[in-house]
Amino acid sequence: MTGALRARLGAAAGVAILGVVLWRLGTGAFVDGLRTIDGPTLLAAVGLGLLTTVFSAWRWCLVARGLRIRLPLGPAVADYYRALFLNAALPGGVLGDVHRAVRHGRDAGDVGRGVRAVVLERVAGQVVLIAVGVAILLAHPSLALEHTGRLIGGPAAAWALAAGCVLALLAVVAVRRRRRAAPVAG
């Protein structure tokens, strides 16, 4: 079976599954949901999505440049949108990033660096997300404590858990610094 035939069969299967779901469940809930979305809300969502994707692609360009790989912003944004779609559509949630990493590495002539650029970019994104979350919780601890306290045993337990996470992060940083500072044997 050729790749083109496989792609067409996959698309046809997807359309058939969607058709069966709509036939069995109806379109009422879907149409009602669409009616509740107004123009400004839709525009804000599209704008935030665009802004987030462009800044994420820019972060990827910066990381790639740090690894001495050329990556213009325009193609990076297009590749990032493709990766977001594949992450949402395929099982596992990371296959789009794998595709992005391998494709960029092949285009640059060094798959290893391409993969490193994507991995480092994703890690940087997670670090920023965690930092913003921690900053928000430090500024407004009641946002987490009133809900988390019930789950883990009260505010004292929540603070202990947060302190443990900070200590674990500091330990990881200390170990990495020691590894870098240690002389290479041989």
C-alpha atoms as a PDB file:
ATOM      1  CA  MET A   1       0.000   0.000   0.000  1.00  0.00           C
ATOM      2  CA  THR A   2       1.451   3.351  -1.015  1.00  0.00           C
ATOM      3  CA  GLY A   3       1.712   6.303   1.333  1.00  0.00           C
ATOM      4  CA  ALA A   4      -0.808   8.335  -0.684  1.00  0.00           C
ATOM      5  CA  LEU A   5      -3.374   5.533  -0.602  1.00  0.00           C
ATOM      6  CA  ARG A   6      -2.826   5.037   3.120  1.00  0.00           C
ATOM      7  CA  ALA A   7      -3.347   8.772   3.719  1.00  0.00           C
ATOM      8  CA  ARG A   8      -6.571   8.785   1.694  1.00  0.00           C
ATOM      9  CA  LEU A   9      -7.882   5.715   3.495  1.00  0.00           C
ATOM     10  CA  GLY A  10      -7.029   7.298   6.844  1.00  0.00           C
ATOM     11  CA  ALA A  11      -8.853  10.494   5.914  1.00  0.00           C
ATOM     12  CA  ALA A  12     -11.854   8.513   4.674  1.00  0.00           C
ATOM     13  CA  ALA A  13     -11.915   6.499   7.910  1.00  0.00           C
ATOM     14  CA  GLY A  14     -11.805   9.716   9.944  1.00  0.00           C
ATOM     15  CA  VAL A  15     -14.696  11.211   7.988  1.00  0.00           C
ATOM     16  CA  ALA A  16     -16.667   7.959   8.358  1.00  0.00           C
ATOM     17  CA  ILE A  17     -16.114   7.883  12.130  1.00  0.00           C
ATOM     18  CA  LEU A  18     -17.153  11.526  12.430  1.00  0.00           C
ATOM     19  CA  GLY A  19     -20.250  10.784  10.329  1.00  0.00           C
ATOM     20  CA  VAL A  20     -21.242   7.860  12.562  1.00  0.00           C
ATOM     21  CA  VAL A  21     -20.744   9.951  15.717  1.00  0.00           C
ATOM     22  CA  LEU A  22     -22.898  12.767  14.319  1.00  0.00           C
ATOM     23  CA  TRP A  23     -25.526  10.283  13.119  1.00  0.00           C
ATOM     24  CA  ARG A  24     -25.717   8.515  16.504  1.00  0.00           C
ATOM     25  CA  LEU A  25     -25.460  11.560  18.780  1.00  0.00           C
ATOM     26  CA  GLY A  26     -26.948  14.266  16.576  1.00  0.00           C
ATOM     27  CA  THR A  27     -25.718  17.751  15.911  1.00  0.00           C
ATOM     28  CA  GLY A  28     -27.840  19.600  18.478  1.00  0.00           C
ATOM     29  CA  ALA A  29     -25.240  19.932  21.227  1.00  0.00           C
ATOM     30  CA  PHE A  30     -22.524  20.908  18.749  1.00  0.00           C
ATOM     31  CA  VAL A  31     -24.661  23.578  17.084  1.00  0.00           C
ATOM     32  CA  ASP A  32     -25.867  24.877  20.473  1.00  0.00           C
ATOM     33  CA  GLY A  33     -22.256  25.179  21.591  1.00  0.00           C
ATOM     34  CA  LEU A  34     -21.321  27.120  18.465  1.00  0.00           C
ATOM     35  CA  ARG A  35     -24.233  29.512  19.024  1.00  0.00           C
ATOM     36  CA  THR A  36     -22.903  30.501  22.451  1.00  0.00           C
ATOM     37  CA  ILE A  37     -19.612  31.754  20.995  1.00  0.00           C
ATOM     38  CA  ASP A  38     -19.744  35.444  20.138  1.00  0.00           C
ATOM     39  CA  GLY A  39     -17.431  37.339  17.787  1.00  0.00           C
ATOM     40  CA  PRO A  40     -15.221  39.095  20.356  1.00  0.00           C
ATOM     41  CA  THR A  41     -14.641  35.851  22.254  1.00  0.00           C
ATOM     42  CA  LEU A  42     -13.701  34.033  19.068  1.00  0.00           C
ATOM     43  CA  LEU A  43     -11.424  36.885  17.992  1.00  0.00           C
ATOM     44  CA  ALA A  44      -9.706  36.932  21.401  1.00  0.00           C
ATOM     45  CA  ALA A  45      -9.155  33.161  21.285  1.00  0.00           C
ATOM     46  CA  VAL A  46      -7.694  33.295  17.778  1.00  0.00           C
ATOM     47  CA  GLY A  47      -5.491  36.269  18.708  1.00  0.00           C
ATOM     48  CA  LEU A  48      -4.166  34.607  21.856  1.00  0.00           C
ATOM     49  CA  GLY A  49      -3.512  31.395  19.946  1.00  0.00           C
ATOM     50  CA  LEU A  50      -1.630  33.281  17.238  1.00  0.00           C
ATOM     51  CA  LEU A  51       0.409  35.254  19.767  1.00  0.00           C
ATOM     52  CA  THR A  52       1.285  32.140  21.766  1.00  0.00           C
ATOM     53  CA  THR A  53       2.315  30.203  18.674  1.00  0.00           C
ATOM     54  CA  VAL A  54       4.457  33.016  17.250  1.00  0.00           C
ATOM     55  CA  PHE A  55       6.262  33.510  20.568  1.00  0.00           C
ATOM     56  CA  SER A  56       6.791  29.748  20.932  1.00  0.00           C
ATOM     57  CA  ALA A  57       8.232  29.585  17.413  1.00  0.00           C
ATOM     58  CA  TRP A  58      10.447  32.575  18.231  1.00  0.00           C
ATOM     59  CA  ARG A  59      11.697  30.748  21.337  1.00  0.00           C
ATOM     60  CA  TRP A  60      12.494  27.753  19.106  1.00  0.00           C
ATOM     61  CA  CYS A  61      14.432  30.059  16.734  1.00  0.00           C
ATOM     62  CA  LEU A  62      16.459  31.430  19.645  1.00  0.00           C
ATOM     63  CA  VAL A  63      17.296  27.944  20.919  1.00  0.00           C
ATOM     64  CA  ALA A  64      18.210  26.768  17.413  1.00  0.00           C
ATOM     65  CA  ARG A  65      20.434  29.814  16.939  1.00  0.00           C
ATOM     66  CA  GLY A  66      22.141  28.976  20.233  1.00  0.00           C
ATOM     67  CA  LEU A  67      22.889  25.530  18.793  1.00  0.00           C
ATOM     68  CA  ARG A  68      24.191  27.169  15.597  1.00  0.00           C
ATOM     69  CA  ILE A  69      21.280  26.049  13.427  1.00  0.00           C
ATOM     70  CA  ARG A  70      19.613  28.510  11.072  1.00  0.00           C
ATOM     71  CA  LEU A  71      15.836  28.713  11.517  1.00  0.00           C
ATOM     72  CA  PRO A  72      13.900  31.670  10.066  1.00  0.00           C
ATOM     73  CA  LEU A  73      10.793  32.765  11.983  1.00  0.00           C
ATOM     74  CA  GLY A  74       8.305  32.288   9.115  1.00  0.00           C
ATOM     75  CA  PRO A  75       9.010  28.590   8.536  1.00  0.00           C
ATOM     76  CA  ALA A  76       9.289  28.087  12.308  1.00  0.00           C
ATOM     77  CA  VAL A  77       5.753  29.431  12.808  1.00  0.00           C
ATOM     78  CA  ALA A  78       4.421  27.177  10.031  1.00  0.00           C
ATOM     79  CA  ASP A  79       6.208  24.132  11.479  1.00  0.00           C
ATOM     80  CA  TYR A  80       4.964  25.008  14.965  1.00  0.00           C
ATOM     81  CA  TYR A  81       1.336  25.138  13.769  1.00  0.00           C
ATOM     82  CA  ARG A  82       1.797  21.777  12.040  1.00  0.00           C
ATOM     83  CA  ALA A  83       3.279  20.301  15.227  1.00  0.00           C
ATOM     84  CA  LEU A  84       0.402  21.656  17.331  1.00  0.00           C
ATOM     85  CA  PHE A  85      -2.096  20.043  14.973  1.00  0.00           C
ATOM     86  CA  LEU A  86      -0.269  16.715  14.979  1.00  0.00           C
ATOM     87  CA  ASN A  87       0.113  16.797  18.777  1.00  0.00           C
ATOM     88  CA  ALA A  88      -3.641  17.279  19.105  1.00  0.00           C
ATOM     89  CA  ALA A  89      -4.645  14.783  16.419  1.00  0.00           C
ATOM     90  CA  LEU A  90      -2.241  11.894  17.004  1.00  0.00           C
ATOM     91  CA  PRO A  91      -1.935   9.674  20.077  1.00  0.00           C
ATOM     92  CA  GLY A  92       0.776  10.528  22.569  1.00  0.00           C
ATOM     93  CA  GLY A  93       0.639  14.293  22.219  1.00  0.00           C
ATOM     94  CA  VAL A  94       4.287  14.680  21.165  1.00  0.00           C
ATOM     95  CA  LEU A  95       4.445  13.211  17.666  1.00  0.00           C
ATOM     96  CA  GLY A  96       4.137  16.676  16.143  1.00  0.00           C
ATOM     97  CA  ASP A  97       7.215  17.764  18.065  1.00  0.00           C
ATOM     98  CA  VAL A  98       9.069  14.640  16.940  1.00  0.00           C
ATOM     99  CA  HIS A  99       8.163  15.421  13.327  1.00  0.00           C
ATOM    100  CA  ARG A 100       9.232  19.051  13.809  1.00  0.00           C
ATOM    101  CA  ALA A 101      12.558  17.994  15.339  1.00  0.00           C
ATOM    102  CA  VAL A 102      13.456  15.434  12.686  1.00  0.00           C
ATOM    103  CA  ARG A 103      12.337  17.618   9.786  1.00  0.00           C
ATOM    104  CA  HIS A 104      14.255  20.639  11.030  1.00  0.00           C
ATOM    105  CA  GLY A 105      17.313  18.481  11.699  1.00  0.00           C
ATOM    106  CA  ARG A 106      17.215  17.033   8.187  1.00  0.00           C
ATOM    107  CA  ASP A 107      16.752  20.478   6.650  1.00  0.00           C
ATOM    108  CA  ALA A 108      19.713  21.774   8.674  1.00  0.00           C
ATOM    109  CA  GLY A 109      21.855  18.722   7.899  1.00  0.00           C
ATOM    110  CA  ASP A 110      22.152  17.633  11.539  1.00  0.00           C
ATOM    111  CA  VAL A 111      19.235  15.649  12.957  1.00  0.00           C
ATOM    112  CA  GLY A 112      20.830  15.479  16.406  1.00  0.00           C
ATOM    113  CA  ARG A 113      20.979  19.252  16.715  1.00  0.00           C
ATOM    114  CA  GLY A 114      17.466  19.582  15.341  1.00  0.00           C
ATOM    115  CA  VAL A 115      16.168  17.205  17.998  1.00  0.00           C
ATOM    116  CA  ARG A 116      18.134  19.002  20.728  1.00  0.00           C
ATOM    117  CA  ALA A 117      16.704  22.340  19.607  1.00  0.00           C
ATOM    118  CA  VAL A 118      13.126  21.095  19.911  1.00  0.00           C
ATOM    119  CA  VAL A 119      13.720  19.303  23.217  1.00  0.00           C
ATOM    120  CA  LEU A 120      15.413  22.350  24.739  1.00  0.00           C
ATOM    121  CA  GLU A 121      12.659  24.613  23.403  1.00  0.00           C
ATOM    122  CA  ARG A 122       9.955  22.444  24.959  1.00  0.00           C
ATOM    123  CA  VAL A 123      11.829  22.282  28.278  1.00  0.00           C
ATOM    124  CA  ALA A 124      12.232  26.065  28.242  1.00  0.00           C
ATOM    125  CA  GLY A 125       8.493  26.397  27.677  1.00  0.00           C
ATOM    126  CA  GLN A 126       7.738  24.140  30.632  1.00  0.00           C
ATOM    127  CA  VAL A 127      10.165  26.062  32.851  1.00  0.00           C
ATOM    128  CA  VAL A 128       8.444  29.339  31.944  1.00  0.00           C
ATOM    129  CA  LEU A 129       5.022  27.809  32.581  1.00  0.00           C
ATOM    130  CA  ILE A 130       6.098  26.515  35.995  1.00  0.00           C
ATOM    131  CA  ALA A 131       7.724  29.842  36.890  1.00  0.00           C
ATOM    132  CA  VAL A 132       4.576  31.780  35.986  1.00  0.00           C
ATOM    133  CA  GLY A 133       2.447  29.310  37.948  1.00  0.00           C
ATOM    134  CA  VAL A 134       4.666  29.601  41.007  1.00  0.00           C
ATOM    135  CA  ALA A 135       4.680  33.411  40.741  1.00  0.00           C
ATOM    136  CA  ILE A 136       0.882  33.476  40.579  1.00  0.00           C
ATOM    137  CA  LEU A 137       0.577  31.130  43.545  1.00  0.00           C
ATOM    138  CA  LEU A 138       3.062  33.193  45.550  1.00  0.00           C
ATOM    139  CA  ALA A 139       1.108  36.354  44.758  1.00  0.00           C
ATOM    140  CA  HIS A 140      -2.285  34.731  45.453  1.00  0.00           C
ATOM    141  CA  PRO A 141      -1.776  31.583  47.551  1.00  0.00           C
ATOM    142  CA  SER A 142      -5.485  31.347  48.247  1.00  0.00           C
ATOM    143  CA  LEU A 143      -6.024  30.288  44.622  1.00  0.00           C
ATOM    144  CA  ALA A 144      -4.404  26.944  45.352  1.00  0.00           C
ATOM    145  CA  LEU A 145      -4.720  26.511  49.076  1.00  0.00           C
ATOM    146  CA  GLU A 146      -8.490  26.517  49.274  1.00  0.00           C
ATOM    147  CA  HIS A 147      -8.724  23.708  46.722  1.00  0.00           C
ATOM    148  CA  THR A 148      -5.436  21.873  47.228  1.00  0.00           C
ATOM    149  CA  GLY A 149      -5.748  21.862  51.002  1.00  0.00           C
ATOM    150  CA  ARG A 150      -8.798  19.633  50.767  1.00  0.00           C
ATOM    151  CA  LEU A 151      -6.958  17.195  48.527  1.00  0.00           C
ATOM    152  CA  ILE A 152      -3.705  16.790  50.437  1.00  0.00           C
ATOM    153  CA  GLY A 153      -4.646  17.483  54.043  1.00  0.00           C
ATOM    154  CA  GLY A 154      -4.728  21.208  54.681  1.00  0.00           C
ATOM    155  CA  PRO A 155      -2.680  24.357  54.105  1.00  0.00           C
ATOM    156  CA  ALA A 156       0.325  23.086  56.078  1.00  0.00           C
ATOM    157  CA  ALA A 157       0.548  20.024  53.849  1.00  0.00           C
ATOM    158  CA  ALA A 158       0.232  22.202  50.738  1.00  0.00           C
ATOM    159  CA  TRP A 159       3.103  24.432  51.898  1.00  0.00           C
ATOM    160  CA  ALA A 160       5.182  21.364  52.780  1.00  0.00           C
ATOM    161  CA  LEU A 161       4.577  19.940  49.308  1.00  0.00           C
ATOM    162  CA  ALA A 162       5.544  23.255  47.683  1.00  0.00           C
ATOM    163  CA  ALA A 163       8.706  23.466  49.811  1.00  0.00           C
ATOM    164  CA  GLY A 164       9.597  19.894  48.860  1.00  0.00           C
ATOM    165  CA  CYS A 165       9.254  20.738  45.173  1.00  0.00           C
ATOM    166  CA  VAL A 166      11.508  23.784  45.565  1.00  0.00           C
ATOM    167  CA  LEU A 167      14.112  21.707  47.434  1.00  0.00           C
ATOM    168  CA  ALA A 168      14.018  19.031  44.738  1.00  0.00           C
ATOM    169  CA  LEU A 169      14.561  21.678  42.065  1.00  0.00           C
ATOM    170  CA  LEU A 170      17.496  23.159  43.982  1.00  0.00           C
ATOM    171  CA  ALA A 171      19.018  19.685  44.362  1.00  0.00           C
ATOM    172  CA  VAL A 172      18.797  19.087  40.604  1.00  0.00           C
ATOM    173  CA  VAL A 173      20.472  22.443  39.908  1.00  0.00           C
ATOM    174  CA  ALA A 174      23.257  21.693  42.427  1.00  0.00           C
ATOM    175  CA  VAL A 175      23.955  18.257  40.922  1.00  0.00           C
ATOM    176  CA  ARG A 176      24.128  19.719  37.404  1.00  0.00           C
ATOM    177  CA  ARG A 177      26.571  22.409  38.526  1.00  0.00           C
ATOM    178  CA  ARG A 178      28.818  19.818  40.174  1.00  0.00           C
ATOM    179  CA  ARG A 179      28.838  17.703  37.026  1.00  0.00           C
ATOM    180  CA  ARG A 180      29.892  20.690  34.947  1.00  0.00           C
ATOM    181  CA  ALA A 181      32.586  21.698  37.427  1.00  0.00           C
ATOM    182  CA  ALA A 182      34.030  18.179  37.862  1.00  0.00           C
ATOM    183  CA  PRO A 183      37.230  17.553  35.857  1.00  0.00           C
ATOM    184  CA  VAL A 184      36.986  14.972  33.119  1.00  0.00           C
ATOM    185  CA  ALA A 185      38.947  11.798  33.956  1.00  0.00           C
ATOM    186  CA  GLY A 186      41.371  10.463  31.415  1.00  0.00           C
END
